[in-house]
Amino acid sequence: MTTETIRSTKYPAEAHAYAAWPLILIIIGGAIGLVYAVIAYLINLKIYTSDLSRMNKILANLLCGMAACSGWWFSAQWVQSYLVH
């Protein structure tokens, strides 16, 4: 797949719905949550177009979102501890 093919790919609404669940980090995570949520969303869209089975796509989607939540948590803890001292 070339770069032009990837850029011109239109995703169905179902793909956006499945890939967008990490965007909840924007509500609770502020700017740091936004960064992690957008990265997870883009990765989830790539997972949707992969050759994985449907079950593996769902599991990879969940794993990516949970990794984003964990990254946000550790980053937020680091920033908070930096500001306290």
N, C-alpha and C. Protein backbone atom coordinates (compact mmCIF):
# COMPACT_ATOMS: atom_id res chain seq x y z
N MET A 1 0.84 -1.17 0.00
CA MET A 1 0.00 0.00 0.00
C MET A 1 0.89 1.24 0.00
N THR A 2 0.64 2.12 -0.91
CA THR A 2 1.44 3.34 -0.99
C THR A 2 0.89 4.40 -0.03
N THR A 3 1.67 5.44 0.13
CA THR A 3 1.24 6.52 1.01
C THR A 3 -0.02 7.18 0.49
N GLU A 4 -0.12 7.34 -0.82
CA GLU A 4 -1.32 7.96 -1.40
C GLU A 4 -2.55 7.10 -1.17
N THR A 5 -2.39 5.78 -1.25
CA THR A 5 -3.52 4.89 -1.01
C THR A 5 -3.98 4.99 0.44
N ILE A 6 -3.04 5.06 1.35
CA ILE A 6 -3.39 5.16 2.77
C ILE A 6 -4.10 6.48 3.04
N ARG A 7 -3.63 7.57 2.46
CA ARG A 7 -4.24 8.88 2.70
C ARG A 7 -5.64 8.98 2.12
N SER A 8 -5.87 8.26 1.00
CA SER A 8 -7.17 8.37 0.35
C SER A 8 -8.18 7.35 0.87
N THR A 9 -7.78 6.52 1.82
CA THR A 9 -8.69 5.52 2.36
C THR A 9 -9.79 6.19 3.16
N LYS A 10 -11.03 5.85 2.84
CA LYS A 10 -12.18 6.34 3.60
C LYS A 10 -12.60 5.24 4.56
N TYR A 11 -12.69 5.59 5.81
CA TYR A 11 -13.09 4.62 6.81
C TYR A 11 -14.60 4.70 7.02
N PRO A 12 -15.26 3.56 7.19
CA PRO A 12 -16.70 3.61 7.49
C PRO A 12 -16.94 4.13 8.90
N ALA A 13 -18.16 4.52 9.16
CA ALA A 13 -18.51 5.06 10.48
C ALA A 13 -18.25 4.04 11.58
N GLU A 14 -18.42 2.77 11.28
CA GLU A 14 -18.17 1.72 12.26
C GLU A 14 -16.71 1.73 12.71
N ALA A 15 -15.79 1.93 11.78
CA ALA A 15 -14.36 1.97 12.13
C ALA A 15 -14.07 3.15 13.04
N HIS A 16 -14.65 4.30 12.75
CA HIS A 16 -14.43 5.47 13.60
C HIS A 16 -15.03 5.25 14.99
N ALA A 17 -16.17 4.60 15.06
CA ALA A 17 -16.80 4.34 16.36
C ALA A 17 -15.95 3.40 17.20
N TYR A 18 -15.44 2.34 16.60
CA TYR A 18 -14.61 1.40 17.35
C TYR A 18 -13.26 2.02 17.73
N ALA A 19 -12.71 2.84 16.87
CA ALA A 19 -11.39 3.40 17.11
C ALA A 19 -11.41 4.59 18.07
N ALA A 20 -12.57 5.21 18.24
CA ALA A 20 -12.63 6.47 18.98
C ALA A 20 -12.82 6.33 20.48
N TRP A 21 -12.99 5.14 20.99
CA TRP A 21 -13.28 5.03 22.42
C TRP A 21 -12.17 5.60 23.31
N PRO A 22 -10.88 5.58 22.93
CA PRO A 22 -9.89 6.21 23.81
C PRO A 22 -10.01 7.73 23.89
N LEU A 23 -10.83 8.33 23.03
CA LEU A 23 -10.98 9.79 23.07
C LEU A 23 -11.63 10.27 24.36
N ILE A 24 -12.15 9.35 25.17
CA ILE A 24 -12.68 9.74 26.48
C ILE A 24 -11.58 10.33 27.36
N LEU A 25 -10.32 10.02 27.02
CA LEU A 25 -9.21 10.59 27.77
C LEU A 25 -9.17 12.11 27.66
N ILE A 26 -9.73 12.66 26.60
CA ILE A 26 -9.75 14.12 26.44
C ILE A 26 -10.57 14.75 27.56
N ILE A 27 -11.67 14.12 27.93
CA ILE A 27 -12.55 14.66 28.96
C ILE A 27 -11.87 14.67 30.32
N ILE A 28 -11.20 13.57 30.66
CA ILE A 28 -10.61 13.47 31.99
C ILE A 28 -9.12 13.77 32.02
N GLY A 29 -8.48 13.78 30.85
CA GLY A 29 -7.03 13.86 30.83
C GLY A 29 -6.41 15.15 30.36
N GLY A 30 -7.21 16.09 29.93
CA GLY A 30 -6.65 17.37 29.49
C GLY A 30 -5.75 17.22 28.28
N ALA A 31 -4.69 18.03 28.24
CA ALA A 31 -3.79 18.05 27.09
C ALA A 31 -3.02 16.74 26.95
N ILE A 32 -2.59 16.18 28.06
CA ILE A 32 -1.88 14.91 28.01
C ILE A 32 -2.81 13.82 27.51
N GLY A 33 -4.03 13.82 27.99
CA GLY A 33 -5.02 12.85 27.53
C GLY A 33 -5.32 13.00 26.05
N LEU A 34 -5.34 14.24 25.57
CA LEU A 34 -5.57 14.49 24.15
C LEU A 34 -4.48 13.85 23.30
N VAL A 35 -3.24 14.01 23.70
CA VAL A 35 -2.13 13.44 22.93
C VAL A 35 -2.24 11.92 22.87
N TYR A 36 -2.42 11.29 24.02
CA TYR A 36 -2.53 9.84 24.05
C TYR A 36 -3.77 9.34 23.31
N ALA A 37 -4.87 10.05 23.43
CA ALA A 37 -6.12 9.63 22.78
C ALA A 37 -6.01 9.70 21.27
N VAL A 38 -5.42 10.75 20.75
CA VAL A 38 -5.29 10.88 19.29
C VAL A 38 -4.33 9.83 18.74
N ILE A 39 -3.25 9.57 19.44
CA ILE A 39 -2.33 8.52 19.00
C ILE A 39 -3.03 7.17 18.99
N ALA A 40 -3.77 6.86 20.05
CA ALA A 40 -4.50 5.59 20.11
C ALA A 40 -5.56 5.50 19.02
N TYR A 41 -6.24 6.60 18.75
CA TYR A 41 -7.26 6.63 17.71
C TYR A 41 -6.65 6.32 16.34
N LEU A 42 -5.54 6.94 16.03
CA LEU A 42 -4.89 6.70 14.74
C LEU A 42 -4.38 5.27 14.61
N ILE A 43 -3.82 4.75 15.69
CA ILE A 43 -3.37 3.36 15.67
C ILE A 43 -4.56 2.42 15.51
N ASN A 44 -5.66 2.71 16.19
CA ASN A 44 -6.85 1.87 16.07
C ASN A 44 -7.41 1.88 14.65
N LEU A 45 -7.33 3.00 13.95
CA LEU A 45 -7.77 3.02 12.55
C LEU A 45 -6.88 2.13 11.69
N LYS A 46 -5.59 2.12 11.96
CA LYS A 46 -4.68 1.23 11.23
C LYS A 46 -4.98 -0.23 11.55
N ILE A 47 -5.32 -0.51 12.79
CA ILE A 47 -5.69 -1.87 13.17
C ILE A 47 -6.93 -2.30 12.41
N TYR A 48 -7.89 -1.40 12.26
CA TYR A 48 -9.13 -1.73 11.56
C TYR A 48 -8.88 -2.15 10.12
N THR A 49 -7.90 -1.54 9.46
CA THR A 49 -7.62 -1.88 8.06
C THR A 49 -6.62 -3.01 7.91
N SER A 50 -6.14 -3.58 9.01
CA SER A 50 -5.15 -4.65 8.93
C SER A 50 -5.82 -5.96 8.50
N ASP A 51 -4.99 -6.97 8.32
CA ASP A 51 -5.47 -8.29 7.90
C ASP A 51 -5.78 -9.21 9.08
N LEU A 52 -5.86 -8.67 10.26
CA LEU A 52 -6.17 -9.48 11.44
C LEU A 52 -7.61 -9.98 11.39
N SER A 53 -7.86 -11.05 12.13
CA SER A 53 -9.24 -11.53 12.24
C SER A 53 -10.04 -10.52 13.07
N ARG A 54 -11.35 -10.63 13.01
CA ARG A 54 -12.21 -9.68 13.73
C ARG A 54 -11.94 -9.71 15.24
N MET A 55 -11.77 -10.90 15.80
CA MET A 55 -11.49 -11.01 17.23
C MET A 55 -10.15 -10.36 17.58
N ASN A 56 -9.13 -10.58 16.75
CA ASN A 56 -7.83 -9.97 17.02
C ASN A 56 -7.87 -8.46 16.86
N LYS A 57 -8.68 -7.96 15.94
CA LYS A 57 -8.84 -6.51 15.80
C LYS A 57 -9.45 -5.91 17.06
N ILE A 58 -10.46 -6.57 17.59
CA ILE A 58 -11.11 -6.08 18.81
C ILE A 58 -10.13 -6.09 19.98
N LEU A 59 -9.39 -7.19 20.12
CA LEU A 59 -8.43 -7.29 21.22
C LEU A 59 -7.30 -6.27 21.07
N ALA A 60 -6.81 -6.08 19.85
CA ALA A 60 -5.75 -5.10 19.61
C ALA A 60 -6.26 -3.68 19.89
N ASN A 61 -7.50 -3.42 19.52
CA ASN A 61 -8.12 -2.13 19.76
C ASN A 61 -8.20 -1.86 21.27
N LEU A 62 -8.65 -2.83 22.02
CA LEU A 62 -8.73 -2.68 23.48
C LEU A 62 -7.35 -2.51 24.10
N LEU A 63 -6.39 -3.29 23.63
CA LEU A 63 -5.04 -3.20 24.17
C LEU A 63 -4.43 -1.83 23.89
N CYS A 64 -4.64 -1.32 22.71
CA CYS A 64 -4.12 0.01 22.35
C CYS A 64 -4.75 1.09 23.22
N GLY A 65 -6.05 1.03 23.42
CA GLY A 65 -6.73 2.01 24.26
C GLY A 65 -6.30 1.93 25.71
N MET A 66 -6.13 0.70 26.21
CA MET A 66 -5.69 0.55 27.60
C MET A 66 -4.25 1.01 27.77
N ALA A 67 -3.42 0.80 26.75
CA ALA A 67 -2.05 1.30 26.80
C ALA A 67 -2.04 2.83 26.83
N ALA A 68 -2.95 3.45 26.07
CA ALA A 68 -3.05 4.91 26.09
C ALA A 68 -3.48 5.39 27.48
N CYS A 69 -4.43 4.70 28.09
CA CYS A 69 -4.86 5.07 29.44
C CYS A 69 -3.72 4.93 30.44
N SER A 70 -2.96 3.85 30.32
CA SER A 70 -1.82 3.64 31.22
C SER A 70 -0.75 4.71 31.01
N GLY A 71 -0.48 5.01 29.74
CA GLY A 71 0.51 6.06 29.45
C GLY A 71 0.08 7.40 30.01
N TRP A 72 -1.21 7.70 29.87
CA TRP A 72 -1.73 8.95 30.43
C TRP A 72 -1.56 8.95 31.95
N TRP A 73 -1.91 7.86 32.60
CA TRP A 73 -1.82 7.77 34.05
C TRP A 73 -0.39 8.00 34.53
N PHE A 74 0.57 7.31 33.92
CA PHE A 74 1.96 7.46 34.34
C PHE A 74 2.50 8.85 34.04
N SER A 75 2.11 9.41 32.90
CA SER A 75 2.55 10.77 32.58
C SER A 75 1.95 11.78 33.55
N ALA A 76 0.68 11.62 33.87
CA ALA A 76 0.03 12.53 34.81
C ALA A 76 0.66 12.43 36.19
N GLN A 77 0.99 11.22 36.63
CA GLN A 77 1.64 11.05 37.93
C GLN A 77 3.02 11.70 37.93
N TRP A 78 3.74 11.56 36.83
CA TRP A 78 5.07 12.16 36.73
C TRP A 78 4.97 13.68 36.78
N VAL A 79 4.06 14.26 36.03
CA VAL A 79 3.89 15.72 36.02
C VAL A 79 3.47 16.20 37.40
N GLN A 80 2.55 15.49 38.04
CA GLN A 80 2.08 15.89 39.36
C GLN A 80 3.22 15.83 40.38
N SER A 81 4.03 14.78 40.34
CA SER A 81 5.13 14.69 41.30
C SER A 81 6.20 15.76 41.02
N TYR A 82 6.36 16.12 39.76
CA TYR A 82 7.32 17.16 39.40
C TYR A 82 6.85 18.52 39.92
N LEU A 83 5.55 18.78 39.85
CA LEU A 83 5.01 20.07 40.29
C LEU A 83 4.98 20.20 41.81
N VAL A 84 4.88 19.09 42.51
CA VAL A 84 4.80 19.13 43.97
C VAL A 84 6.16 19.46 44.57
N HIS A 85 7.22 18.96 43.99
CA HIS A 85 8.55 19.18 44.57
C HIS A 85 9.14 20.42 44.07
